[in-house]
Each structure stands twice: as structure tokens, then as C-alpha cells.
Protein backbone atom coordinates (compact mmCIF):
# COMPACT_ATOMS: atom_id res chain seq x y z
CA UNK A 1 -7.71 10.90 -9.14
CA UNK A 2 -7.75 6.98 -8.58
CA UNK A 3 -9.32 5.19 -6.18
CA UNK A 4 -7.43 2.21 -4.01
CA UNK A 5 -9.70 -1.05 -2.96
CA UNK A 6 -8.69 -1.78 0.39
CA UNK A 7 -10.61 -4.40 1.38
CA UNK A 8 -14.07 -7.05 0.51
CA UNK A 9 -16.59 -7.35 3.42
CA UNK A 10 -19.48 -10.08 2.57
CA UNK A 11 -18.56 -9.91 -1.01
CA UNK A 12 -18.92 -5.84 -1.25
CA UNK A 13 -15.54 -4.00 -2.21
CA UNK A 14 -14.16 -0.69 -0.07
CA UNK A 15 -12.15 1.70 -1.75
CA UNK A 16 -9.96 5.45 -0.76
CA UNK A 17 -8.88 7.75 -2.84
CA UNK A 18 -5.61 7.14 -4.20
CA UNK A 19 -4.14 10.41 -2.58
CA UNK A 20 -6.45 9.45 0.89
CA UNK A 21 -4.77 6.05 0.61
CA UNK A 22 -0.98 7.72 0.74
CA UNK A 23 -1.87 9.09 3.80
CA UNK A 24 -3.26 6.21 5.54
CA UNK A 25 -1.64 3.34 4.59
CA UNK A 26 0.21 2.62 7.41
CA UNK A 27 -2.73 2.45 9.62
CA UNK A 28 -5.58 -0.42 9.97
CA UNK A 29 -8.67 0.93 9.41
CA UNK A 30 -12.03 -0.75 11.18
CA UNK A 31 -15.28 0.03 9.54
CA UNK A 32 -17.96 -0.64 12.00
CA UNK A 33 -21.53 -0.34 12.59
CA UNK A 34 -22.98 0.61 16.21
CA UNK A 35 -26.00 1.87 17.61
CA UNK A 36 -26.61 5.94 17.48
CA UNK A 37 -27.59 8.46 14.94
CA UNK A 38 -24.91 9.00 12.42
CA UNK A 39 -23.98 11.80 10.92
CA UNK A 40 -21.90 12.74 7.02
CA UNK A 41 -22.13 8.92 6.81
CA UNK A 42 -25.10 7.70 8.64
CA UNK A 43 -26.56 4.06 8.06
CA UNK A 44 -30.25 4.14 6.71
CA UNK A 45 -32.54 7.05 8.04
CA UNK A 46 -34.57 5.18 11.05
CA UNK A 47 -32.00 1.93 11.47
CA UNK A 48 -30.51 3.82 14.81
CA UNK A 49 -27.10 2.82 13.58
CA UNK A 50 -24.28 4.50 12.52
CA UNK A 51 -20.68 4.36 11.40
CA UNK A 52 -17.46 4.28 13.12
CA UNK A 53 -14.04 4.07 12.32
CA UNK A 54 -11.36 2.36 14.46
CA UNK A 55 -7.59 2.47 13.88
CA UNK A 56 -4.14 1.50 15.10
CA UNK A 57 -0.75 1.45 13.25
CA UNK A 58 -0.05 -1.42 11.83
CA UNK A 59 2.78 -3.79 13.59
CA UNK A 60 6.07 -4.39 11.94
CA UNK A 61 5.51 -7.81 11.08
CA UNK A 62 2.25 -6.86 9.48
CA UNK A 63 3.71 -4.09 7.80
CA UNK A 64 6.77 -6.12 5.68
CA UNK A 65 3.68 -8.42 4.59
CA UNK A 66 1.63 -5.64 2.87
CA UNK A 67 4.71 -4.19 1.59
CA UNK A 68 5.12 -7.29 -0.14
CA UNK A 69 1.75 -6.85 -1.39
CA UNK A 70 0.59 -3.91 -3.21
CA UNK A 71 -3.35 -2.97 -3.37
CA UNK A 72 -5.11 -2.73 -6.29
CA UNK A 73 -5.23 0.67 -7.86
CA UNK A 74 -8.54 1.24 -9.97
CA UNK A 75 -9.31 3.73 -12.23
């Protein structure tokens, strides 16, 4: 399958599988790092930090804009 570029932060590109994206495309996802012990998607061992994803549905205005600006398909 192909990937979808979902964002760029500090020059780092973030991707999601196309099938996963089709499930989440109406949702604003925020990837953050917080203090704590990580699990499957932890930061470097010993940092005391872990990843967390926060989500919310897009507003009607956001969805209208995004519908007119498709994501970049990769692969």
C-alpha cells in the first residue's frame, strides 16, 4: 500500500498508511511528547519521555478547506 504525508514539523515529514488515513481523515491528530514511560511508540530509552496522540474532529470550516487541498500520496 501507499502512504499519505500528513504533516511536516521542524522539517520532519510525517506519514500514515493510506488505509489508516481513510479512517482518520476527518480527525485532527496532534502528536506530542510528554513525561512518562513509553510503550510501543516510546522515545529513546532513558529519556523519561513518551509519545501521546490527541484527537478531535475537524470543524466544518476546517473540513471545507481540507477537502479543497488533498494530501500528498507517496509510493
